[in-house]
Every structure is written in structure tokens, then in C-alpha cells.
Amino acid sequence: MNSIDMDRAQHAAVAAADAAEAVIRQHQLSDDWTIQYKADDSPVTEVDVASEKAIYQVLTEATPTAAFYGEETGYHGSAESAGATAGASAGASAGASAGASAG
């Protein structure tokens, strides 16, 4: 199993949330985004995708060996680390997506 320093992981999680918040605020201020529908007919906005990409970028820079699973973009990373980080990453993404959708 891949071990990650918990302080480093916490810092990365906070930085990822901050990055997603910045993306969401930028889109809220412009009040200009599109809504598309996924195969299951659930909505997804460009804000959802952009905030998830911001989260992914921060987390992979901080923990390059960790896997990432996002609600909108799916799985990225190595198979050995998928179980340890996928759930946490998806939770962060879902939170960011919910914030974007609620705005």
C-alpha cells in the first residue's frame, strides 16, 4: 500500500478545495456557463468539469503517485494506489461539483 504523509495530504486537500472554490467563484461572477447531460441524463456544467480539473491538478502535483477518481472525468492514476485515494478524491470532487451546481 502506498503511504502518504497525512500533514501533506491535508495541505493538498485544502489547496485543492481552494482551487475549486476559485474556479466556481469565477464562473459565478460571469454567470455564463452551459449545462450538458450525461448518458444517465444527469446534468453536468462546465463549472463541474473545470472545478474537478482544478482539484485533480493540485492533488496530483502534491501526491503524484496517488490515483484520482472524479465524478466527471473518471479514473486517473496507478492501479496500486486506486483503492487508497479514489474515494477521497471523488468526495472532494463531489463537494466542489455540489458547490458549483448550488450557486
PDB file of N, CA and C in Angstrom:
ATOM      1  N   MET A   1       0.845  -1.178   0.000  1.00  0.00           N
ATOM      2  CA  MET A   1       0.000   0.000   0.000  1.00  0.00           C
ATOM      3  C   MET A   1       0.891   1.243   0.000  1.00  0.00           C
ATOM      4  N   ASN A   2       0.453   2.244  -0.668  1.00  0.00           N
ATOM      5  CA  ASN A   2       1.174   3.498  -0.794  1.00  0.00           C
ATOM      6  C   ASN A   2       0.890   4.380   0.429  1.00  0.00           C
ATOM      7  N   SER A   3       1.929   4.813   1.144  1.00  0.00           N
ATOM      8  CA  SER A   3       1.673   5.668   2.300  1.00  0.00           C
ATOM      9  C   SER A   3       1.918   7.124   1.934  1.00  0.00           C
ATOM     10  N   ILE A   4       1.075   7.979   2.438  1.00  0.00           N
ATOM     11  CA  ILE A   4       1.151   9.410   2.186  1.00  0.00           C
ATOM     12  C   ILE A   4       1.217  10.111   3.528  1.00  0.00           C
ATOM     13  N   ASP A   5       2.123  11.057   3.672  1.00  0.00           N
ATOM     14  CA  ASP A   5       2.218  11.859   4.881  1.00  0.00           C
ATOM     15  C   ASP A   5       0.888  12.588   5.085  1.00  0.00           C
ATOM     16  N   MET A   6       0.248  12.365   6.222  1.00  0.00           N
ATOM     17  CA  MET A   6      -1.085  12.921   6.458  1.00  0.00           C
ATOM     18  C   MET A   6      -1.096  14.450   6.491  1.00  0.00           C
ATOM     19  N   ASP A   7      -0.045  15.078   7.023  1.00  0.00           N
ATOM     20  CA  ASP A   7       0.002  16.539   7.008  1.00  0.00           C
ATOM     21  C   ASP A   7       0.063  17.060   5.577  1.00  0.00           C
ATOM     22  N   ARG A   8       0.876  16.412   4.776  1.00  0.00           N
ATOM     23  CA  ARG A   8       0.991  16.799   3.368  1.00  0.00           C
ATOM     24  C   ARG A   8      -0.337  16.577   2.635  1.00  0.00           C
ATOM     25  N   ALA A   9      -0.984  15.467   2.940  1.00  0.00           N
ATOM     26  CA  ALA A   9      -2.267  15.159   2.316  1.00  0.00           C
ATOM     27  C   ALA A   9      -3.329  16.182   2.719  1.00  0.00           C
ATOM     28  N   GLN A  10      -3.342  16.568   3.986  1.00  0.00           N
ATOM     29  CA  GLN A  10      -4.314  17.561   4.451  1.00  0.00           C
ATOM     30  C   GLN A  10      -4.075  18.904   3.762  1.00  0.00           C
ATOM     31  N   HIS A  11      -2.819  19.304   3.668  1.00  0.00           N
ATOM     32  CA  HIS A  11      -2.492  20.558   2.992  1.00  0.00           C
ATOM     33  C   HIS A  11      -2.953  20.512   1.537  1.00  0.00           C
ATOM     34  N   ALA A  12      -2.713  19.383   0.871  1.00  0.00           N
ATOM     35  CA  ALA A  12      -3.126  19.223  -0.522  1.00  0.00           C
ATOM     36  C   ALA A  12      -4.642  19.283  -0.660  1.00  0.00           C
ATOM     37  N   ALA A  13      -5.358  18.667   0.272  1.00  0.00           N
ATOM     38  CA  ALA A  13      -6.823  18.678   0.216  1.00  0.00           C
ATOM     39  C   ALA A  13      -7.373  20.092   0.367  1.00  0.00           C
ATOM     40  N   VAL A  14      -6.808  20.856   1.284  1.00  0.00           N
ATOM     41  CA  VAL A  14      -7.245  22.242   1.483  1.00  0.00           C
ATOM     42  C   VAL A  14      -6.916  23.078   0.244  1.00  0.00           C
ATOM     43  N   ALA A  15      -5.726  22.896  -0.294  1.00  0.00           N
ATOM     44  CA  ALA A  15      -5.331  23.635  -1.502  1.00  0.00           C
ATOM     45  C   ALA A  15      -6.236  23.268  -2.679  1.00  0.00           C
ATOM     46  N   ALA A  16      -6.608  21.997  -2.787  1.00  0.00           N
ATOM     47  CA  ALA A  16      -7.493  21.557  -3.868  1.00  0.00           C
ATOM     48  C   ALA A  16      -8.882  22.182  -3.722  1.00  0.00           C
ATOM     49  N   ALA A  17      -9.383  22.222  -2.500  1.00  0.00           N
ATOM     50  CA  ALA A  17     -10.686  22.846  -2.259  1.00  0.00           C
ATOM     51  C   ALA A  17     -10.637  24.338  -2.585  1.00  0.00           C
ATOM     52  N   ASP A  18      -9.540  24.993  -2.215  1.00  0.00           N
ATOM     53  CA  ASP A  18      -9.376  26.419  -2.528  1.00  0.00           C
ATOM     54  C   ASP A  18      -9.336  26.650  -4.034  1.00  0.00           C
ATOM     55  N   ALA A  19      -8.647  25.782  -4.756  1.00  0.00           N
ATOM     56  CA  ALA A  19      -8.565  25.907  -6.213  1.00  0.00           C
ATOM     57  C   ALA A  19      -9.946  25.733  -6.849  1.00  0.00           C
ATOM     58  N   ALA A  20     -10.696  24.758  -6.366  1.00  0.00           N
ATOM     59  CA  ALA A  20     -12.047  24.540  -6.889  1.00  0.00           C
ATOM     60  C   ALA A  20     -12.941  25.736  -6.576  1.00  0.00           C
ATOM     61  N   GLU A  21     -12.810  26.273  -5.368  1.00  0.00           N
ATOM     62  CA  GLU A  21     -13.610  27.442  -4.994  1.00  0.00           C
ATOM     63  C   GLU A  21     -13.323  28.614  -5.925  1.00  0.00           C
ATOM     64  N   ALA A  22     -12.054  28.827  -6.259  1.00  0.00           N
ATOM     65  CA  ALA A  22     -11.688  29.927  -7.155  1.00  0.00           C
ATOM     66  C   ALA A  22     -12.332  29.752  -8.530  1.00  0.00           C
ATOM     67  N   VAL A  23     -12.331  28.526  -9.030  1.00  0.00           N
ATOM     68  CA  VAL A  23     -12.960  28.251 -10.329  1.00  0.00           C
ATOM     69  C   VAL A  23     -14.459  28.518 -10.254  1.00  0.00           C
ATOM     70  N   ILE A  24     -15.085  28.037  -9.199  1.00  0.00           N
ATOM     71  CA  ILE A  24     -16.535  28.210  -9.041  1.00  0.00           C
ATOM     72  C   ILE A  24     -16.888  29.684  -8.929  1.00  0.00           C
ATOM     73  N   ARG A  25     -16.146  30.437  -8.124  1.00  0.00           N
ATOM     74  CA  ARG A  25     -16.411  31.882  -7.981  1.00  0.00           C
ATOM     75  C   ARG A  25     -16.271  32.609  -9.314  1.00  0.00           C
ATOM     76  N   GLN A  26     -15.236  32.270 -10.066  1.00  0.00           N
ATOM     77  CA  GLN A  26     -15.022  32.907 -11.366  1.00  0.00           C
ATOM     78  C   GLN A  26     -16.227  32.689 -12.280  1.00  0.00           C
ATOM     79  N   HIS A  27     -16.726  31.474 -12.314  1.00  0.00           N
ATOM     80  CA  HIS A  27     -17.883  31.179 -13.153  1.00  0.00           C
ATOM     81  C   HIS A  27     -19.164  31.815 -12.617  1.00  0.00           C
ATOM     82  N   GLN A  28     -19.296  31.880 -11.301  1.00  0.00           N
ATOM     83  CA  GLN A  28     -20.476  32.522 -10.725  1.00  0.00           C
ATOM     84  C   GLN A  28     -20.517  33.999 -11.086  1.00  0.00           C
ATOM     85  N   LEU A  29     -19.377  34.651 -11.037  1.00  0.00           N
ATOM     86  CA  LEU A  29     -19.323  36.070 -11.356  1.00  0.00           C
ATOM     87  C   LEU A  29     -19.660  36.329 -12.821  1.00  0.00           C
ATOM     88  N   SER A  30     -19.246  35.441 -13.698  1.00  0.00           N
ATOM     89  CA  SER A  30     -19.526  35.630 -15.123  1.00  0.00           C
ATOM     90  C   SER A  30     -20.967  35.268 -15.456  1.00  0.00           C
ATOM     91  N   ASP A  31     -21.568  34.412 -14.636  1.00  0.00           N
ATOM     92  CA  ASP A  31     -22.939  33.955 -14.838  1.00  0.00           C
ATOM     93  C   ASP A  31     -23.149  33.454 -16.273  1.00  0.00           C
ATOM     94  N   ASP A  32     -22.119  32.812 -16.809  1.00  0.00           N
ATOM     95  CA  ASP A  32     -22.169  32.349 -18.187  1.00  0.00           C
ATOM     96  C   ASP A  32     -21.553  30.952 -18.273  1.00  0.00           C
ATOM     97  N   TRP A  33     -22.386  29.922 -18.204  1.00  0.00           N
ATOM     98  CA  TRP A  33     -21.901  28.562 -18.367  1.00  0.00           C
ATOM     99  C   TRP A  33     -22.992  27.698 -18.975  1.00  0.00           C
ATOM    100  N   THR A  34     -22.567  26.596 -19.512  1.00  0.00           N
ATOM    101  CA  THR A  34     -23.505  25.704 -20.187  1.00  0.00           C
ATOM    102  C   THR A  34     -23.775  24.462 -19.344  1.00  0.00           C
ATOM    103  N   ILE A  35     -24.917  23.891 -19.583  1.00  0.00           N
ATOM    104  CA  ILE A  35     -25.302  22.635 -18.940  1.00  0.00           C
ATOM    105  C   ILE A  35     -25.436  21.588 -20.032  1.00  0.00           C
ATOM    106  N   GLN A  36     -24.796  20.449 -19.813  1.00  0.00           N
ATOM    107  CA  GLN A  36     -24.942  19.306 -20.710  1.00  0.00           C
ATOM    108  C   GLN A  36     -25.507  18.153 -19.893  1.00  0.00           C
ATOM    109  N   TYR A  37     -25.891  17.109 -20.562  1.00  0.00           N
ATOM    110  CA  TYR A  37     -26.441  15.945 -19.874  1.00  0.00           C
ATOM    111  C   TYR A  37     -25.602  14.718 -20.192  1.00  0.00           C
ATOM    112  N   LYS A  38     -25.308  13.965 -19.137  1.00  0.00           N
ATOM    113  CA  LYS A  38     -24.533  12.733 -19.277  1.00  0.00           C
ATOM    114  C   LYS A  38     -25.424  11.620 -19.804  1.00  0.00           C
ATOM    115  N   ALA A  39     -24.837  10.474 -20.049  1.00  0.00           N
ATOM    116  CA  ALA A  39     -25.569   9.325 -20.576  1.00  0.00           C
ATOM    117  C   ALA A  39     -26.742   8.930 -19.685  1.00  0.00           C
ATOM    118  N   ASP A  40     -26.602   9.171 -18.367  1.00  0.00           N
ATOM    119  CA  ASP A  40     -27.685   8.808 -17.447  1.00  0.00           C
ATOM    120  C   ASP A  40     -28.685   9.958 -17.252  1.00  0.00           C
ATOM    121  N   ASP A  41     -28.601  10.976 -18.092  1.00  0.00           N
ATOM    122  CA  ASP A  41     -29.475  12.157 -18.069  1.00  0.00           C
ATOM    123  C   ASP A  41     -29.264  13.069 -16.862  1.00  0.00           C
ATOM    124  N   SER A  42     -28.179  12.869 -16.132  1.00  0.00           N
ATOM    125  CA  SER A  42     -27.882  13.798 -15.042  1.00  0.00           C
ATOM    126  C   SER A  42     -27.122  14.995 -15.609  1.00  0.00           C
ATOM    127  N   PRO A  43     -27.389  16.185 -15.068  1.00  0.00           N
ATOM    128  CA  PRO A  43     -26.745  17.382 -15.614  1.00  0.00           C
ATOM    129  C   PRO A  43     -25.291  17.507 -15.175  1.00  0.00           C
ATOM    130  N   VAL A  44     -24.505  18.131 -16.029  1.00  0.00           N
ATOM    131  CA  VAL A  44     -23.120  18.465 -15.702  1.00  0.00           C
ATOM    132  C   VAL A  44     -22.825  19.814 -16.361  1.00  0.00           C
ATOM    133  N   THR A  45     -22.265  20.722 -15.578  1.00  0.00           N
ATOM    134  CA  THR A  45     -21.918  22.023 -16.139  1.00  0.00           C
ATOM    135  C   THR A  45     -20.424  22.082 -16.423  1.00  0.00           C
ATOM    136  N   GLU A  46     -20.033  23.051 -17.223  1.00  0.00           N
ATOM    137  CA  GLU A  46     -18.606  23.248 -17.460  1.00  0.00           C
ATOM    138  C   GLU A  46     -17.911  23.645 -16.159  1.00  0.00           C
ATOM    139  N   VAL A  47     -18.669  24.192 -15.207  1.00  0.00           N
ATOM    140  CA  VAL A  47     -18.113  24.542 -13.894  1.00  0.00           C
ATOM    141  C   VAL A  47     -17.757  23.269 -13.129  1.00  0.00           C
ATOM    142  N   ASP A  48     -18.606  22.260 -13.208  1.00  0.00           N
ATOM    143  CA  ASP A  48     -18.323  20.967 -12.574  1.00  0.00           C
ATOM    144  C   ASP A  48     -16.997  20.403 -13.085  1.00  0.00           C
ATOM    145  N   VAL A  49     -16.856  20.377 -14.398  1.00  0.00           N
ATOM    146  CA  VAL A  49     -15.665  19.805 -15.014  1.00  0.00           C
ATOM    147  C   VAL A  49     -14.429  20.651 -14.684  1.00  0.00           C
ATOM    148  N   ALA A  50     -14.552  21.963 -14.779  1.00  0.00           N
ATOM    149  CA  ALA A  50     -13.403  22.843 -14.512  1.00  0.00           C
ATOM    150  C   ALA A  50     -12.957  22.764 -13.055  1.00  0.00           C
ATOM    151  N   SER A  51     -13.899  22.695 -12.127  1.00  0.00           N
ATOM    152  CA  SER A  51     -13.519  22.608 -10.714  1.00  0.00           C
ATOM    153  C   SER A  51     -12.880  21.256 -10.413  1.00  0.00           C
ATOM    154  N   GLU A  52     -13.379  20.201 -11.040  1.00  0.00           N
ATOM    155  CA  GLU A  52     -12.768  18.888 -10.855  1.00  0.00           C
ATOM    156  C   GLU A  52     -11.346  18.856 -11.424  1.00  0.00           C
ATOM    157  N   LYS A  53     -11.136  19.487 -12.552  1.00  0.00           N
ATOM    158  CA  LYS A  53      -9.793  19.551 -13.134  1.00  0.00           C
ATOM    159  C   LYS A  53      -8.843  20.325 -12.224  1.00  0.00           C
ATOM    160  N   ALA A  54      -9.336  21.389 -11.584  1.00  0.00           N
ATOM    161  CA  ALA A  54      -8.507  22.159 -10.649  1.00  0.00           C
ATOM    162  C   ALA A  54      -8.122  21.296  -9.452  1.00  0.00           C
ATOM    163  N   ILE A  55      -9.074  20.527  -8.935  1.00  0.00           N
ATOM    164  CA  ILE A  55      -8.804  19.616  -7.821  1.00  0.00           C
ATOM    165  C   ILE A  55      -7.762  18.585  -8.239  1.00  0.00           C
ATOM    166  N   TYR A  56      -7.962  17.988  -9.404  1.00  0.00           N
ATOM    167  CA  TYR A  56      -7.037  16.974  -9.925  1.00  0.00           C
ATOM    168  C   TYR A  56      -5.624  17.531 -10.050  1.00  0.00           C
ATOM    169  N   GLN A  57      -5.498  18.719 -10.605  1.00  0.00           N
ATOM    170  CA  GLN A  57      -4.174  19.311 -10.813  1.00  0.00           C
ATOM    171  C   GLN A  57      -3.442  19.508  -9.480  1.00  0.00           C
ATOM    172  N   VAL A  58      -4.127  20.063  -8.497  1.00  0.00           N
ATOM    173  CA  VAL A  58      -3.493  20.302  -7.191  1.00  0.00           C
ATOM    174  C   VAL A  58      -3.118  18.986  -6.521  1.00  0.00           C
ATOM    175  N   LEU A  59      -4.034  18.025  -6.510  1.00  0.00           N
ATOM    176  CA  LEU A  59      -3.761  16.763  -5.832  1.00  0.00           C
ATOM    177  C   LEU A  59      -2.648  15.962  -6.500  1.00  0.00           C
ATOM    178  N   THR A  60      -2.615  15.959  -7.823  1.00  0.00           N
ATOM    179  CA  THR A  60      -1.563  15.187  -8.486  1.00  0.00           C
ATOM    180  C   THR A  60      -0.204  15.857  -8.391  1.00  0.00           C
ATOM    181  N   GLU A  61      -0.178  17.182  -8.271  1.00  0.00           N
ATOM    182  CA  GLU A  61       1.105  17.859  -8.039  1.00  0.00           C
ATOM    183  C   GLU A  61       1.631  17.537  -6.645  1.00  0.00           C
ATOM    184  N   ALA A  62       0.732  17.491  -5.671  1.00  0.00           N
ATOM    185  CA  ALA A  62       1.126  17.236  -4.279  1.00  0.00           C
ATOM    186  C   ALA A  62       1.420  15.761  -4.023  1.00  0.00           C
ATOM    187  N   THR A  63       0.685  14.885  -4.674  1.00  0.00           N
ATOM    188  CA  THR A  63       0.833  13.440  -4.458  1.00  0.00           C
ATOM    189  C   THR A  63       0.844  12.727  -5.808  1.00  0.00           C
ATOM    190  N   PRO A  64       1.949  12.818  -6.537  1.00  0.00           N
ATOM    191  CA  PRO A  64       1.982  12.297  -7.908  1.00  0.00           C
ATOM    192  C   PRO A  64       1.762  10.792  -8.038  1.00  0.00           C
ATOM    193  N   THR A  65       1.965  10.021  -6.983  1.00  0.00           N
ATOM    194  CA  THR A  65       1.754   8.576  -7.079  1.00  0.00           C
ATOM    195  C   THR A  65       0.334   8.154  -6.707  1.00  0.00           C
ATOM    196  N   ALA A  66      -0.469   9.093  -6.258  1.00  0.00           N
ATOM    197  CA  ALA A  66      -1.843   8.777  -5.851  1.00  0.00           C
ATOM    198  C   ALA A  66      -2.758   8.730  -7.066  1.00  0.00           C
ATOM    199  N   ALA A  67      -3.770   7.915  -6.978  1.00  0.00           N
ATOM    200  CA  ALA A  67      -4.787   7.836  -8.021  1.00  0.00           C
ATOM    201  C   ALA A  67      -5.851   8.891  -7.763  1.00  0.00           C
ATOM    202  N   PHE A  68      -6.647   9.155  -8.766  1.00  0.00           N
ATOM    203  CA  PHE A  68      -7.722  10.142  -8.665  1.00  0.00           C
ATOM    204  C   PHE A  68      -8.929   9.594  -9.397  1.00  0.00           C
ATOM    205  N   TYR A  69     -10.082   9.685  -8.765  1.00  0.00           N
ATOM    206  CA  TYR A  69     -11.320   9.320  -9.433  1.00  0.00           C
ATOM    207  C   TYR A  69     -12.285  10.486  -9.285  1.00  0.00           C
ATOM    208  N   GLY A  70     -12.619  11.094 -10.395  1.00  0.00           N
ATOM    209  CA  GLY A  70     -13.530  12.235 -10.373  1.00  0.00           C
ATOM    210  C   GLY A  70     -14.883  11.859 -10.938  1.00  0.00           C
ATOM    211  N   GLU A  71     -15.909  12.473 -10.416  1.00  0.00           N
ATOM    212  CA  GLU A  71     -17.264  12.200 -10.867  1.00  0.00           C
ATOM    213  C   GLU A  71     -17.436  12.491 -12.360  1.00  0.00           C
ATOM    214  N   GLU A  72     -16.790  13.553 -12.841  1.00  0.00           N
ATOM    215  CA  GLU A  72     -16.980  13.956 -14.235  1.00  0.00           C
ATOM    216  C   GLU A  72     -15.925  13.387 -15.179  1.00  0.00           C
ATOM    217  N   THR A  73     -14.680  13.261 -14.735  1.00  0.00           N
ATOM    218  CA  THR A  73     -13.605  12.848 -15.642  1.00  0.00           C
ATOM    219  C   THR A  73     -13.147  11.415 -15.437  1.00  0.00           C
ATOM    220  N   GLY A  74     -13.633  10.755 -14.397  1.00  0.00           N
ATOM    221  CA  GLY A  74     -13.303   9.358 -14.186  1.00  0.00           C
ATOM    222  C   GLY A  74     -11.977   9.128 -13.495  1.00  0.00           C
ATOM    223  N   TYR A  75     -11.394   7.970 -13.784  1.00  0.00           N
ATOM    224  CA  TYR A  75     -10.209   7.480 -13.078  1.00  0.00           C
ATOM    225  C   TYR A  75      -8.917   7.911 -13.760  1.00  0.00           C
ATOM    226  N   HIS A  76      -7.956   8.341 -12.937  1.00  0.00           N
ATOM    227  CA  HIS A  76      -6.610   8.674 -13.392  1.00  0.00           C
ATOM    228  C   HIS A  76      -5.642   8.135 -12.355  1.00  0.00           C
ATOM    229  N   GLY A  77      -4.590   7.485 -12.761  1.00  0.00           N
ATOM    230  CA  GLY A  77      -3.578   7.069 -11.800  1.00  0.00           C
ATOM    231  C   GLY A  77      -3.195   5.621 -11.908  1.00  0.00           C
ATOM    232  N   SER A  78      -2.367   5.199 -10.946  1.00  0.00           N
ATOM    233  CA  SER A  78      -1.858   3.831 -10.950  1.00  0.00           C
ATOM    234  C   SER A  78      -2.831   2.894 -10.252  1.00  0.00           C
ATOM    235  N   ALA A  79      -2.860   1.665 -10.689  1.00  0.00           N
ATOM    236  CA  ALA A  79      -3.781   0.676 -10.130  1.00  0.00           C
ATOM    237  C   ALA A  79      -3.498   0.401  -8.665  1.00  0.00           C
ATOM    238  N   GLU A  80      -2.230   0.402  -8.263  1.00  0.00           N
ATOM    239  CA  GLU A  80      -1.906   0.070  -6.876  1.00  0.00           C
ATOM    240  C   GLU A  80      -2.393   1.117  -5.880  1.00  0.00           C
ATOM    241  N   SER A  81      -2.554   2.355  -6.317  1.00  0.00           N
ATOM    242  CA  SER A  81      -2.980   3.391  -5.380  1.00  0.00           C
ATOM    243  C   SER A  81      -4.467   3.695  -5.487  1.00  0.00           C
ATOM    244  N   ALA A  82      -5.172   3.071  -6.392  1.00  0.00           N
ATOM    245  CA  ALA A  82      -6.571   3.396  -6.636  1.00  0.00           C
ATOM    246  C   ALA A  82      -7.449   3.240  -5.408  1.00  0.00           C
ATOM    247  N   GLY A  83      -7.308   2.181  -4.679  1.00  0.00           N
ATOM    248  CA  GLY A  83      -8.158   1.957  -3.522  1.00  0.00           C
ATOM    249  C   GLY A  83      -7.927   2.961  -2.411  1.00  0.00           C
ATOM    250  N   ALA A  84      -6.713   3.420  -2.248  1.00  0.00           N
ATOM    251  CA  ALA A  84      -6.385   4.319  -1.141  1.00  0.00           C
ATOM    252  C   ALA A  84      -6.853   5.737  -1.365  1.00  0.00           C
ATOM    253  N   THR A  85      -6.891   6.198  -2.607  1.00  0.00           N
ATOM    254  CA  THR A  85      -7.175   7.611  -2.821  1.00  0.00           C
ATOM    255  C   THR A  85      -8.424   7.899  -3.626  1.00  0.00           C
ATOM    256  N   ALA A  86      -8.953   6.932  -4.317  1.00  0.00           N
ATOM    257  CA  ALA A  86     -10.077   7.207  -5.206  1.00  0.00           C
ATOM    258  C   ALA A  86     -11.287   7.733  -4.453  1.00  0.00           C
ATOM    259  N   GLY A  87     -11.617   7.133  -3.346  1.00  0.00           N
ATOM    260  CA  GLY A  87     -12.792   7.578  -2.596  1.00  0.00           C
ATOM    261  C   GLY A  87     -12.642   8.988  -2.076  1.00  0.00           C
ATOM    262  N   ALA A  88     -11.480   9.311  -1.547  1.00  0.00           N
ATOM    263  CA  ALA A  88     -11.257  10.655  -1.022  1.00  0.00           C
ATOM    264  C   ALA A  88     -11.308  11.687  -2.130  1.00  0.00           C
ATOM    265  N   SER A  89     -10.729  11.378  -3.264  1.00  0.00           N
ATOM    266  CA  SER A  89     -10.721  12.315  -4.372  1.00  0.00           C
ATOM    267  C   SER A  89     -12.127  12.525  -4.915  1.00  0.00           C
ATOM    268  N   ALA A  90     -12.881  11.462  -5.025  1.00  0.00           N
ATOM    269  CA  ALA A  90     -14.239  11.583  -5.532  1.00  0.00           C
ATOM    270  C   ALA A  90     -15.090  12.405  -4.575  1.00  0.00           C
ATOM    271  N   GLY A  91     -14.865  12.244  -3.293  1.00  0.00           N
ATOM    272  CA  GLY A  91     -15.604  13.038  -2.311  1.00  0.00           C
ATOM    273  C   GLY A  91     -15.300  14.510  -2.447  1.00  0.00           C
ATOM    274  N   ALA A  92     -14.047  14.839  -2.647  1.00  0.00           N
ATOM    275  CA  ALA A  92     -13.661  16.238  -2.834  1.00  0.00           C
ATOM    276  C   ALA A  92     -14.291  16.786  -4.098  1.00  0.00           C
ATOM    277  N   SER A  93     -14.288  15.983  -5.153  1.00  0.00           N
ATOM    278  CA  SER A  93     -14.866  16.419  -6.408  1.00  0.00           C
ATOM    279  C   SER A  93     -16.371  16.614  -6.277  1.00  0.00           C
ATOM    280  N   ALA A  94     -17.023  15.687  -5.609  1.00  0.00           N
ATOM    281  CA  ALA A  94     -18.465  15.800  -5.439  1.00  0.00           C
ATOM    282  C   ALA A  94     -18.821  17.060  -4.668  1.00  0.00           C
ATOM    283  N   GLY A  95     -18.014  17.390  -3.677  1.00  0.00           N
ATOM    284  CA  GLY A  95     -18.254  18.603  -2.904  1.00  0.00           C
ATOM    285  C   GLY A  95     -18.110  19.840  -3.758  1.00  0.00           C
ATOM    286  N   ALA A  96     -17.088  19.866  -4.584  1.00  0.00           N
ATOM    287  CA  ALA A  96     -16.879  21.005  -5.471  1.00  0.00           C
ATOM    288  C   ALA A  96     -18.002  21.092  -6.489  1.00  0.00           C
ATOM    289  N   SER A  97     -18.412  19.949  -7.023  1.00  0.00           N
ATOM    290  CA  SER A  97     -19.489  19.949  -8.003  1.00  0.00           C
ATOM    291  C   SER A  97     -20.786  20.418  -7.389  1.00  0.00           C
ATOM    292  N   ALA A  98     -21.055  19.999  -6.171  1.00  0.00           N
ATOM    293  CA  ALA A  98     -22.269  20.418  -5.494  1.00  0.00           C
ATOM    294  C   ALA A  98     -22.261  21.919  -5.283  1.00  0.00           C
ATOM    295  N   GLY A  99     -21.094  22.452  -4.930  1.00  0.00           N
ATOM    296  CA  GLY A  99     -20.994  23.892  -4.736  1.00  0.00           C
ATOM    297  C   GLY A  99     -21.237  24.654  -6.018  1.00  0.00           C
ATOM    298  N   ALA A 100     -20.737  24.140  -7.119  1.00  0.00           N
ATOM    299  CA  ALA A 100     -20.921  24.797  -8.404  1.00  0.00           C
ATOM    300  C   ALA A 100     -22.392  24.734  -8.822  1.00  0.00           C
ATOM    301  N   SER A 101     -23.021  23.611  -8.598  1.00  0.00           N
ATOM    302  CA  SER A 101     -24.397  23.440  -9.003  1.00  0.00           C
ATOM    303  C   SER A 101     -25.363  24.230  -8.131  1.00  0.00           C
ATOM    304  N   ALA A 102     -24.981  24.404  -6.857  1.00  0.00           N
ATOM    305  CA  ALA A 102     -25.862  25.098  -5.928  1.00  0.00           C
ATOM    306  C   ALA A 102     -25.842  26.593  -6.134  1.00  0.00           C
ATOM    307  N   GLY A 103     -24.768  27.115  -6.755  1.00  0.00           N
ATOM    308  CA  GLY A 103     -24.572  28.544  -6.922  1.00  0.00           C
ATOM    309  C   GLY A 103     -25.619  29.171  -7.729  1.00  0.00           C
TER     310      GLY A 103
END
